[in-house]
Amino acid sequence: MFARLLALVSLLLLTQASFAQHSAQQSQTATSDVPETCPVTKASDHPFIPPWPYAKVPYPGGSWFGTDRLWISPPEDGTWMGLGHYTPTDPTFRQKMQWWRQGYDYHTEPKPKLKVTGKRLDATAPPLMAEANNVVGPPPSMMVGMNFPTLGCWEITGHYEDDELIFVVWLSK
């Protein structure tokens, strides 16, 4: 009985180590695929701690980027890979992202005034289409759906009243 339990625990530990190694390899591959000409935004390069009650880390391994007027949790390595929707016959890439703003009140503003735009930096492409269409929380954040017409290096800008936040992301299959 003890031998079987020991074998099972060993198998579980090996599986966990294998998943961790695979995840690290995928992250390294994703980062290495980004051309030097694409200045992706990495939150870890721009430390930001949002005001209370938002100060909790957004997800395990995540970081914040922005100011207390407008902030996001961008992809850690600056890439979006294997997410969203992309096929050769429909080259759009769909991604959702939460945006936060201190003092945002969904009771008085159920349809967020946030406007998100984007342009491709490494090639000519139509602009991304985006819409801040709902609120998630608590604490409340503005969820934005973004449709990118092509993969590549994208500069994304969020506008809310007089505040602006810009970041760059690499989109890859």
N, C-alpha and C. Protein backbone atom coordinates (compact mmCIF):
# COMPACT_ATOMS: atom_id res chain seq x y z
N MET A 1 0.83 -1.19 0.00
CA MET A 1 0.00 0.00 0.00
C MET A 1 0.87 1.26 0.00
N PHE A 2 1.89 1.27 0.89
CA PHE A 2 2.78 2.43 0.98
C PHE A 2 3.53 2.64 -0.33
N ALA A 3 3.94 1.53 -0.98
CA ALA A 3 4.68 1.63 -2.24
C ALA A 3 3.82 2.26 -3.33
N ARG A 4 2.54 1.89 -3.37
CA ARG A 4 1.62 2.48 -4.35
C ARG A 4 1.42 3.96 -4.08
N LEU A 5 1.25 4.33 -2.83
CA LEU A 5 1.08 5.74 -2.47
C LEU A 5 2.32 6.54 -2.84
N LEU A 6 3.48 6.00 -2.56
CA LEU A 6 4.74 6.66 -2.89
C LEU A 6 4.87 6.83 -4.40
N ALA A 7 4.51 5.80 -5.17
CA ALA A 7 4.57 5.88 -6.63
C ALA A 7 3.61 6.95 -7.15
N LEU A 8 2.41 7.03 -6.59
CA LEU A 8 1.43 8.01 -7.01
C LEU A 8 1.90 9.43 -6.71
N VAL A 9 2.44 9.67 -5.53
CA VAL A 9 2.96 10.99 -5.16
C VAL A 9 4.11 11.37 -6.07
N SER A 10 5.01 10.42 -6.36
CA SER A 10 6.14 10.68 -7.26
C SER A 10 5.65 11.05 -8.65
N LEU A 11 4.65 10.35 -9.15
CA LEU A 11 4.08 10.63 -10.46
C LEU A 11 3.47 12.03 -10.50
N LEU A 12 2.75 12.40 -9.46
CA LEU A 12 2.15 13.72 -9.39
C LEU A 12 3.20 14.82 -9.37
N LEU A 13 4.27 14.62 -8.59
CA LEU A 13 5.34 15.61 -8.54
C LEU A 13 6.05 15.75 -9.88
N LEU A 14 6.30 14.64 -10.56
CA LEU A 14 6.93 14.69 -11.88
C LEU A 14 6.04 15.41 -12.89
N THR A 15 4.73 15.13 -12.84
CA THR A 15 3.79 15.79 -13.73
C THR A 15 3.78 17.29 -13.49
N GLN A 16 3.75 17.70 -12.23
CA GLN A 16 3.76 19.12 -11.87
C GLN A 16 5.04 19.78 -12.38
N ALA A 17 6.18 19.13 -12.20
CA ALA A 17 7.46 19.69 -12.67
C ALA A 17 7.46 19.80 -14.19
N SER A 18 6.89 18.81 -14.86
CA SER A 18 6.83 18.84 -16.32
C SER A 18 5.96 20.00 -16.81
N PHE A 19 4.81 20.23 -16.16
CA PHE A 19 3.94 21.36 -16.53
C PHE A 19 4.66 22.68 -16.32
N ALA A 20 5.36 22.83 -15.21
CA ALA A 20 6.08 24.06 -14.93
C ALA A 20 7.16 24.32 -15.96
N GLN A 21 7.90 23.26 -16.34
CA GLN A 21 8.95 23.40 -17.35
C GLN A 21 8.34 23.76 -18.70
N HIS A 22 7.25 23.11 -19.07
CA HIS A 22 6.57 23.39 -20.34
C HIS A 22 6.08 24.82 -20.39
N SER A 23 5.49 25.29 -19.30
CA SER A 23 5.01 26.67 -19.22
C SER A 23 6.15 27.66 -19.37
N ALA A 24 7.28 27.39 -18.71
CA ALA A 24 8.44 28.28 -18.81
C ALA A 24 8.98 28.28 -20.23
N GLN A 25 9.00 27.13 -20.90
CA GLN A 25 9.48 27.06 -22.27
C GLN A 25 8.56 27.83 -23.20
N GLN A 26 7.23 27.72 -23.01
CA GLN A 26 6.29 28.46 -23.84
C GLN A 26 6.48 29.95 -23.66
N SER A 27 6.63 30.41 -22.44
CA SER A 27 6.83 31.83 -22.17
C SER A 27 8.11 32.32 -22.81
N GLN A 28 9.19 31.53 -22.71
CA GLN A 28 10.46 31.92 -23.30
C GLN A 28 10.33 31.96 -24.82
N THR A 29 9.63 30.99 -25.43
CA THR A 29 9.44 30.97 -26.87
C THR A 29 8.62 32.18 -27.30
N ALA A 30 7.56 32.50 -26.57
CA ALA A 30 6.73 33.65 -26.92
C ALA A 30 7.55 34.92 -26.90
N THR A 31 8.34 35.14 -25.86
CA THR A 31 9.14 36.35 -25.75
C THR A 31 10.20 36.38 -26.83
N SER A 32 10.83 35.24 -27.15
CA SER A 32 11.89 35.23 -28.15
C SER A 32 11.34 35.44 -29.55
N ASP A 33 10.04 35.22 -29.78
CA ASP A 33 9.43 35.44 -31.09
C ASP A 33 9.16 36.91 -31.36
N VAL A 34 9.23 37.75 -30.36
CA VAL A 34 8.95 39.18 -30.53
C VAL A 34 10.16 39.83 -31.18
N PRO A 35 9.97 40.48 -32.34
CA PRO A 35 11.11 41.15 -32.97
C PRO A 35 11.60 42.32 -32.11
N GLU A 36 12.88 42.62 -32.22
CA GLU A 36 13.46 43.73 -31.46
C GLU A 36 12.81 45.05 -31.83
N THR A 37 12.20 45.13 -33.00
CA THR A 37 11.56 46.37 -33.45
C THR A 37 10.19 46.59 -32.82
N CYS A 38 9.71 45.62 -32.03
CA CYS A 38 8.41 45.76 -31.37
C CYS A 38 8.64 46.00 -29.88
N PRO A 39 8.51 47.25 -29.44
CA PRO A 39 8.81 47.60 -28.04
C PRO A 39 7.67 47.23 -27.09
N VAL A 40 7.45 45.92 -26.89
CA VAL A 40 6.33 45.47 -26.06
C VAL A 40 6.41 46.04 -24.65
N THR A 41 5.25 46.28 -24.08
CA THR A 41 5.15 46.80 -22.72
C THR A 41 5.11 45.63 -21.75
N LYS A 42 6.04 45.63 -20.82
CA LYS A 42 6.06 44.63 -19.76
C LYS A 42 5.82 45.38 -18.45
N ALA A 43 4.75 45.01 -17.77
CA ALA A 43 4.41 45.71 -16.52
C ALA A 43 5.56 45.67 -15.52
N SER A 44 6.32 44.59 -15.54
CA SER A 44 7.42 44.47 -14.59
C SER A 44 8.51 45.52 -14.82
N ASP A 45 8.56 46.09 -16.03
CA ASP A 45 9.52 47.16 -16.33
C ASP A 45 9.02 48.52 -15.86
N HIS A 46 7.75 48.62 -15.54
CA HIS A 46 7.11 49.87 -15.13
C HIS A 46 6.25 49.61 -13.90
N PRO A 47 6.85 49.38 -12.74
CA PRO A 47 6.06 49.01 -11.56
C PRO A 47 4.99 50.06 -11.21
N PHE A 48 3.82 49.58 -10.91
CA PHE A 48 2.71 50.45 -10.52
C PHE A 48 1.87 49.71 -9.49
N ILE A 49 1.53 50.41 -8.43
CA ILE A 49 0.63 49.86 -7.43
C ILE A 49 -0.62 50.74 -7.41
N PRO A 50 -1.76 50.18 -7.79
CA PRO A 50 -2.97 50.98 -7.82
C PRO A 50 -3.45 51.34 -6.42
N PRO A 51 -4.31 52.35 -6.34
CA PRO A 51 -4.84 52.76 -5.04
C PRO A 51 -5.77 51.70 -4.46
N TRP A 52 -5.98 51.80 -3.14
CA TRP A 52 -6.93 50.92 -2.49
C TRP A 52 -8.32 51.22 -3.04
N PRO A 53 -9.21 50.30 -3.28
CA PRO A 53 -9.20 48.88 -2.94
C PRO A 53 -8.71 47.98 -4.07
N TYR A 54 -8.02 48.55 -5.06
CA TYR A 54 -7.62 47.80 -6.24
C TYR A 54 -6.25 47.12 -6.12
N ALA A 55 -5.53 47.37 -5.04
CA ALA A 55 -4.12 47.02 -4.95
C ALA A 55 -3.79 45.53 -5.00
N LYS A 56 -4.76 44.65 -4.92
CA LYS A 56 -4.46 43.22 -5.01
C LYS A 56 -3.93 42.90 -6.40
N VAL A 57 -3.01 41.94 -6.48
CA VAL A 57 -2.48 41.51 -7.77
C VAL A 57 -3.64 40.94 -8.58
N PRO A 58 -3.74 41.29 -9.88
CA PRO A 58 -4.91 40.90 -10.66
C PRO A 58 -5.08 39.39 -10.86
N TYR A 59 -3.98 38.65 -10.93
CA TYR A 59 -4.02 37.20 -11.08
C TYR A 59 -2.64 36.68 -10.74
N PRO A 60 -2.49 35.41 -10.45
CA PRO A 60 -1.17 34.89 -10.08
C PRO A 60 -0.13 35.20 -11.15
N GLY A 61 0.95 35.83 -10.76
CA GLY A 61 2.01 36.19 -11.70
C GLY A 61 1.75 37.48 -12.44
N GLY A 62 0.62 38.12 -12.21
CA GLY A 62 0.26 39.34 -12.93
C GLY A 62 0.84 40.59 -12.30
N SER A 63 0.84 41.65 -13.07
CA SER A 63 1.32 42.95 -12.62
C SER A 63 0.40 44.04 -13.18
N TRP A 64 0.51 45.20 -12.59
CA TRP A 64 -0.27 46.36 -13.03
C TRP A 64 0.61 47.30 -13.86
N PHE A 65 -0.03 48.05 -14.77
CA PHE A 65 0.66 49.05 -15.58
C PHE A 65 -0.27 50.25 -15.73
N GLY A 66 0.24 51.46 -15.50
CA GLY A 66 -0.56 52.65 -15.72
C GLY A 66 -0.36 53.68 -14.63
N THR A 67 -1.44 54.46 -14.40
CA THR A 67 -1.45 55.49 -13.36
C THR A 67 -2.72 55.32 -12.55
N ASP A 68 -2.87 56.09 -11.47
CA ASP A 68 -4.08 55.94 -10.66
C ASP A 68 -5.33 56.47 -11.39
N ARG A 69 -5.14 57.08 -12.54
CA ARG A 69 -6.28 57.56 -13.33
C ARG A 69 -6.77 56.50 -14.33
N LEU A 70 -5.86 55.61 -14.77
CA LEU A 70 -6.22 54.59 -15.74
C LEU A 70 -5.13 53.52 -15.74
N TRP A 71 -5.51 52.24 -15.53
CA TRP A 71 -4.50 51.19 -15.52
C TRP A 71 -5.06 49.87 -16.01
N ILE A 72 -4.14 48.96 -16.33
CA ILE A 72 -4.46 47.65 -16.89
C ILE A 72 -3.54 46.60 -16.27
N SER A 73 -3.76 45.36 -16.63
CA SER A 73 -2.84 44.28 -16.31
C SER A 73 -2.44 43.65 -17.65
N PRO A 74 -1.37 44.18 -18.27
CA PRO A 74 -1.00 43.67 -19.60
C PRO A 74 -0.38 42.28 -19.52
N PRO A 75 -0.26 41.59 -20.66
CA PRO A 75 0.40 40.29 -20.63
C PRO A 75 1.82 40.45 -20.09
N GLU A 76 2.23 39.56 -19.20
CA GLU A 76 3.52 39.67 -18.51
C GLU A 76 4.70 39.83 -19.46
N ASP A 77 4.72 39.05 -20.55
CA ASP A 77 5.86 39.12 -21.46
C ASP A 77 5.57 40.01 -22.68
N GLY A 78 4.44 40.70 -22.67
CA GLY A 78 4.10 41.61 -23.77
C GLY A 78 3.52 40.92 -24.99
N THR A 79 3.16 39.64 -24.86
CA THR A 79 2.62 38.92 -26.01
C THR A 79 1.25 38.32 -25.71
N TRP A 80 0.44 38.23 -26.75
CA TRP A 80 -0.79 37.46 -26.71
C TRP A 80 -0.60 36.38 -27.75
N MET A 81 -0.48 35.14 -27.30
CA MET A 81 -0.28 34.00 -28.19
C MET A 81 -1.34 32.96 -27.94
N GLY A 82 -1.85 32.40 -29.00
CA GLY A 82 -2.76 31.28 -28.87
C GLY A 82 -4.04 31.63 -28.14
N LEU A 83 -4.34 32.92 -28.02
CA LEU A 83 -5.57 33.36 -27.38
C LEU A 83 -6.48 33.95 -28.45
N GLY A 84 -7.70 34.14 -28.09
CA GLY A 84 -8.60 34.79 -29.02
C GLY A 84 -9.00 33.88 -30.16
N HIS A 85 -9.36 34.51 -31.27
CA HIS A 85 -9.88 33.79 -32.42
C HIS A 85 -9.05 34.21 -33.63
N TYR A 86 -8.46 33.27 -34.33
CA TYR A 86 -7.69 33.58 -35.53
C TYR A 86 -7.68 32.35 -36.43
N THR A 87 -8.07 32.52 -37.69
CA THR A 87 -7.97 31.45 -38.68
C THR A 87 -7.51 32.10 -39.99
N PRO A 88 -6.92 31.34 -40.90
CA PRO A 88 -6.49 31.92 -42.18
C PRO A 88 -7.63 32.53 -42.99
N THR A 89 -8.85 31.97 -42.87
CA THR A 89 -9.97 32.53 -43.61
C THR A 89 -10.62 33.71 -42.89
N ASP A 90 -10.38 33.85 -41.60
CA ASP A 90 -10.88 34.99 -40.82
C ASP A 90 -9.72 35.50 -39.97
N PRO A 91 -8.92 36.43 -40.53
CA PRO A 91 -7.69 36.83 -39.85
C PRO A 91 -7.87 37.79 -38.68
N THR A 92 -9.08 37.97 -38.21
CA THR A 92 -9.24 38.83 -37.04
C THR A 92 -8.81 38.08 -35.78
N PHE A 93 -8.35 38.82 -34.83
CA PHE A 93 -7.87 38.26 -33.57
C PHE A 93 -8.66 38.97 -32.48
N ARG A 94 -9.41 38.25 -31.68
CA ARG A 94 -10.27 38.84 -30.66
C ARG A 94 -9.63 38.67 -29.30
N GLN A 95 -9.63 39.73 -28.52
CA GLN A 95 -9.08 39.69 -27.17
C GLN A 95 -9.94 40.59 -26.28
N LYS A 96 -10.07 40.22 -25.03
CA LYS A 96 -10.77 41.04 -24.04
C LYS A 96 -9.77 41.50 -23.01
N MET A 97 -10.01 42.70 -22.46
CA MET A 97 -9.10 43.23 -21.46
C MET A 97 -9.87 44.12 -20.49
N GLN A 98 -9.49 44.01 -19.22
CA GLN A 98 -10.08 44.87 -18.20
C GLN A 98 -9.24 46.14 -18.04
N TRP A 99 -9.93 47.27 -17.85
CA TRP A 99 -9.31 48.56 -17.59
C TRP A 99 -9.91 49.09 -16.29
N TRP A 100 -9.08 49.69 -15.45
CA TRP A 100 -9.53 50.22 -14.17
C TRP A 100 -9.30 51.72 -14.12
N ARG A 101 -10.13 52.40 -13.32
CA ARG A 101 -9.99 53.83 -13.10
C ARG A 101 -10.48 54.13 -11.69
N GLN A 102 -9.66 54.84 -10.93
CA GLN A 102 -10.07 55.21 -9.58
C GLN A 102 -11.30 56.10 -9.66
N GLY A 103 -12.30 55.76 -8.86
CA GLY A 103 -13.53 56.55 -8.82
C GLY A 103 -14.56 56.18 -9.86
N TYR A 104 -14.25 55.20 -10.73
CA TYR A 104 -15.24 54.80 -11.73
C TYR A 104 -16.45 54.22 -11.01
N ASP A 105 -17.64 54.71 -11.37
CA ASP A 105 -18.88 54.27 -10.73
C ASP A 105 -19.84 53.75 -11.79
N TYR A 106 -20.01 52.44 -11.82
CA TYR A 106 -20.88 51.85 -12.83
C TYR A 106 -22.36 52.18 -12.61
N HIS A 107 -22.71 52.67 -11.41
CA HIS A 107 -24.11 53.06 -11.17
C HIS A 107 -24.45 54.32 -11.96
N THR A 108 -23.53 55.25 -12.03
CA THR A 108 -23.78 56.49 -12.76
C THR A 108 -23.32 56.40 -14.21
N GLU A 109 -22.50 55.39 -14.53
CA GLU A 109 -22.00 55.22 -15.89
C GLU A 109 -22.00 53.73 -16.26
N PRO A 110 -23.18 53.16 -16.51
CA PRO A 110 -23.25 51.73 -16.80
C PRO A 110 -22.58 51.36 -18.14
N LYS A 111 -22.55 52.27 -19.07
CA LYS A 111 -21.84 52.07 -20.34
C LYS A 111 -20.57 52.91 -20.26
N PRO A 112 -19.41 52.29 -20.04
CA PRO A 112 -18.18 53.05 -19.82
C PRO A 112 -17.85 54.03 -20.96
N LYS A 113 -17.32 55.20 -20.59
CA LYS A 113 -16.90 56.22 -21.56
C LYS A 113 -15.52 55.93 -22.13
N LEU A 114 -14.91 54.86 -21.69
CA LEU A 114 -13.57 54.51 -22.15
C LEU A 114 -13.58 54.24 -23.65
N LYS A 115 -12.64 54.84 -24.36
CA LYS A 115 -12.46 54.61 -25.80
C LYS A 115 -11.07 54.00 -26.00
N VAL A 116 -11.02 52.87 -26.68
CA VAL A 116 -9.76 52.20 -26.94
C VAL A 116 -9.52 52.18 -28.44
N THR A 117 -8.31 52.62 -28.83
CA THR A 117 -7.91 52.62 -30.23
C THR A 117 -6.61 51.84 -30.35
N GLY A 118 -6.24 51.50 -31.57
CA GLY A 118 -4.98 50.80 -31.76
C GLY A 118 -4.51 50.87 -33.18
N LYS A 119 -3.18 50.88 -33.34
CA LYS A 119 -2.59 50.89 -34.67
C LYS A 119 -1.44 49.90 -34.70
N ARG A 120 -1.27 49.30 -35.86
CA ARG A 120 -0.17 48.36 -36.03
C ARG A 120 1.11 49.15 -36.29
N LEU A 121 2.18 48.79 -35.60
CA LEU A 121 3.43 49.53 -35.70
C LEU A 121 4.39 48.96 -36.74
N ASP A 122 4.31 47.67 -37.03
CA ASP A 122 5.31 47.04 -37.90
C ASP A 122 4.86 46.83 -39.33
N ALA A 123 3.66 47.22 -39.67
CA ALA A 123 3.14 47.07 -41.04
C ALA A 123 1.88 47.90 -41.18
N THR A 124 1.45 48.10 -42.41
CA THR A 124 0.20 48.81 -42.66
C THR A 124 -0.96 47.85 -42.40
N ALA A 125 -1.95 48.33 -41.66
CA ALA A 125 -3.13 47.52 -41.35
C ALA A 125 -4.26 48.46 -40.95
N PRO A 126 -5.50 48.02 -41.13
CA PRO A 126 -6.61 48.82 -40.60
C PRO A 126 -6.50 48.89 -39.08
N PRO A 127 -7.11 49.90 -38.47
CA PRO A 127 -7.04 50.01 -37.00
C PRO A 127 -7.85 48.91 -36.34
N LEU A 128 -7.53 48.65 -35.08
CA LEU A 128 -8.33 47.67 -34.34
C LEU A 128 -9.69 48.28 -34.03
N MET A 129 -10.66 47.42 -33.88
CA MET A 129 -12.01 47.83 -33.50
C MET A 129 -12.19 47.43 -32.04
N ALA A 130 -12.64 48.38 -31.21
CA ALA A 130 -12.78 48.08 -29.79
C ALA A 130 -14.04 48.73 -29.23
N GLU A 131 -14.57 48.09 -28.20
CA GLU A 131 -15.75 48.63 -27.54
C GLU A 131 -15.72 48.27 -26.06
N ALA A 132 -15.84 49.32 -25.23
CA ALA A 132 -15.99 49.10 -23.78
C ALA A 132 -17.47 48.85 -23.56
N ASN A 133 -17.83 47.59 -23.40
CA ASN A 133 -19.25 47.29 -23.43
C ASN A 133 -19.86 46.79 -22.14
N ASN A 134 -19.04 46.53 -21.13
CA ASN A 134 -19.66 46.13 -19.87
C ASN A 134 -18.72 46.35 -18.70
N VAL A 135 -19.24 46.07 -17.53
CA VAL A 135 -18.50 46.30 -16.29
C VAL A 135 -18.39 44.96 -15.57
N VAL A 136 -17.20 44.70 -15.00
CA VAL A 136 -17.00 43.52 -14.18
C VAL A 136 -16.41 43.97 -12.86
N GLY A 137 -16.51 43.17 -11.86
CA GLY A 137 -15.97 43.56 -10.56
C GLY A 137 -16.65 42.76 -9.48
N PRO A 138 -16.48 43.06 -8.24
CA PRO A 138 -15.87 44.24 -7.64
C PRO A 138 -14.37 44.08 -7.45
N PRO A 139 -13.61 45.16 -7.25
CA PRO A 139 -14.07 46.51 -7.56
C PRO A 139 -14.32 46.64 -9.06
N PRO A 140 -15.17 47.57 -9.46
CA PRO A 140 -15.58 47.63 -10.87
C PRO A 140 -14.44 47.96 -11.81
N SER A 141 -14.45 47.26 -12.94
CA SER A 141 -13.52 47.55 -14.03
C SER A 141 -14.32 47.56 -15.32
N MET A 142 -13.73 48.16 -16.33
CA MET A 142 -14.39 48.26 -17.64
C MET A 142 -13.82 47.18 -18.56
N MET A 143 -14.68 46.32 -19.06
CA MET A 143 -14.24 45.24 -19.95
C MET A 143 -14.32 45.75 -21.38
N VAL A 144 -13.22 45.57 -22.11
CA VAL A 144 -13.14 46.03 -23.49
C VAL A 144 -12.89 44.83 -24.40
N GLY A 145 -13.71 44.69 -25.42
CA GLY A 145 -13.50 43.68 -26.46
C GLY A 145 -12.74 44.34 -27.60
N MET A 146 -11.66 43.71 -28.06
CA MET A 146 -10.85 44.28 -29.13
C MET A 146 -10.73 43.28 -30.27
N ASN A 147 -10.95 43.76 -31.50
CA ASN A 147 -10.78 42.94 -32.70
C ASN A 147 -9.62 43.49 -33.50
N PHE A 148 -8.55 42.72 -33.61
CA PHE A 148 -7.38 43.11 -34.38
C PHE A 148 -7.50 42.51 -35.78
N PRO A 149 -7.32 43.31 -36.84
CA PRO A 149 -7.47 42.77 -38.19
C PRO A 149 -6.30 41.88 -38.63
N THR A 150 -5.14 42.01 -37.98
CA THR A 150 -3.97 41.21 -38.34
C THR A 150 -3.15 40.93 -37.08
N LEU A 151 -2.24 39.99 -37.20
CA LEU A 151 -1.28 39.72 -36.14
C LEU A 151 -0.11 40.68 -36.32
N GLY A 152 0.74 40.82 -35.30
CA GLY A 152 1.90 41.70 -35.40
C GLY A 152 2.07 42.55 -34.17
N CYS A 153 2.74 43.69 -34.33
CA CYS A 153 3.06 44.61 -33.24
C CYS A 153 2.01 45.72 -33.19
N TRP A 154 1.30 45.82 -32.07
CA TRP A 154 0.19 46.77 -31.94
C TRP A 154 0.39 47.72 -30.77
N GLU A 155 0.15 49.00 -31.04
CA GLU A 155 0.12 50.02 -29.99
C GLU A 155 -1.35 50.26 -29.65
N ILE A 156 -1.71 50.09 -28.40
CA ILE A 156 -3.10 50.23 -27.95
C ILE A 156 -3.18 51.42 -27.02
N THR A 157 -4.17 52.27 -27.25
CA THR A 157 -4.34 53.48 -26.46
C THR A 157 -5.73 53.51 -25.85
N GLY A 158 -5.80 53.73 -24.55
CA GLY A 158 -7.07 53.91 -23.86
C GLY A 158 -7.25 55.39 -23.53
N HIS A 159 -8.43 55.92 -23.83
CA HIS A 159 -8.76 57.32 -23.54
C HIS A 159 -9.98 57.34 -22.62
N TYR A 160 -9.86 58.04 -21.51
CA TYR A 160 -11.00 58.24 -20.62
C TYR A 160 -10.92 59.70 -20.16
N GLU A 161 -11.89 60.50 -20.62
CA GLU A 161 -11.87 61.95 -20.36
C GLU A 161 -10.52 62.51 -20.77
N ASP A 162 -9.76 63.14 -19.87
CA ASP A 162 -8.47 63.73 -20.23
C ASP A 162 -7.30 62.79 -19.99
N ASP A 163 -7.56 61.56 -19.63
CA ASP A 163 -6.49 60.61 -19.31
C ASP A 163 -6.26 59.65 -20.46
N GLU A 164 -4.99 59.24 -20.60
CA GLU A 164 -4.61 58.36 -21.70
C GLU A 164 -3.60 57.34 -21.17
N LEU A 165 -3.71 56.12 -21.66
CA LEU A 165 -2.76 55.06 -21.33
C LEU A 165 -2.41 54.33 -22.61
N ILE A 166 -1.11 54.19 -22.88
CA ILE A 166 -0.62 53.55 -24.11
C ILE A 166 0.26 52.36 -23.74
N PHE A 167 0.05 51.24 -24.42
CA PHE A 167 0.93 50.10 -24.26
C PHE A 167 1.08 49.39 -25.60
N VAL A 168 2.12 48.56 -25.72
CA VAL A 168 2.40 47.84 -26.96
C VAL A 168 2.39 46.35 -26.67
N VAL A 169 1.78 45.60 -27.58
CA VAL A 169 1.68 44.14 -27.43
C VAL A 169 2.00 43.47 -28.77
N TRP A 170 2.57 42.29 -28.68
CA TRP A 170 2.86 41.48 -29.87
C TRP A 170 1.80 40.40 -29.97
N LEU A 171 1.12 40.32 -31.13
CA LEU A 171 0.11 39.29 -31.36
C LEU A 171 0.70 38.23 -32.27
N SER A 172 0.60 36.97 -31.86
CA SER A 172 1.16 35.88 -32.64
C SER A 172 0.26 34.66 -32.56
N LYS A 173 0.33 33.80 -33.58
CA LYS A 173 -0.45 32.57 -33.57
C LYS A 173 0.02 31.65 -32.48
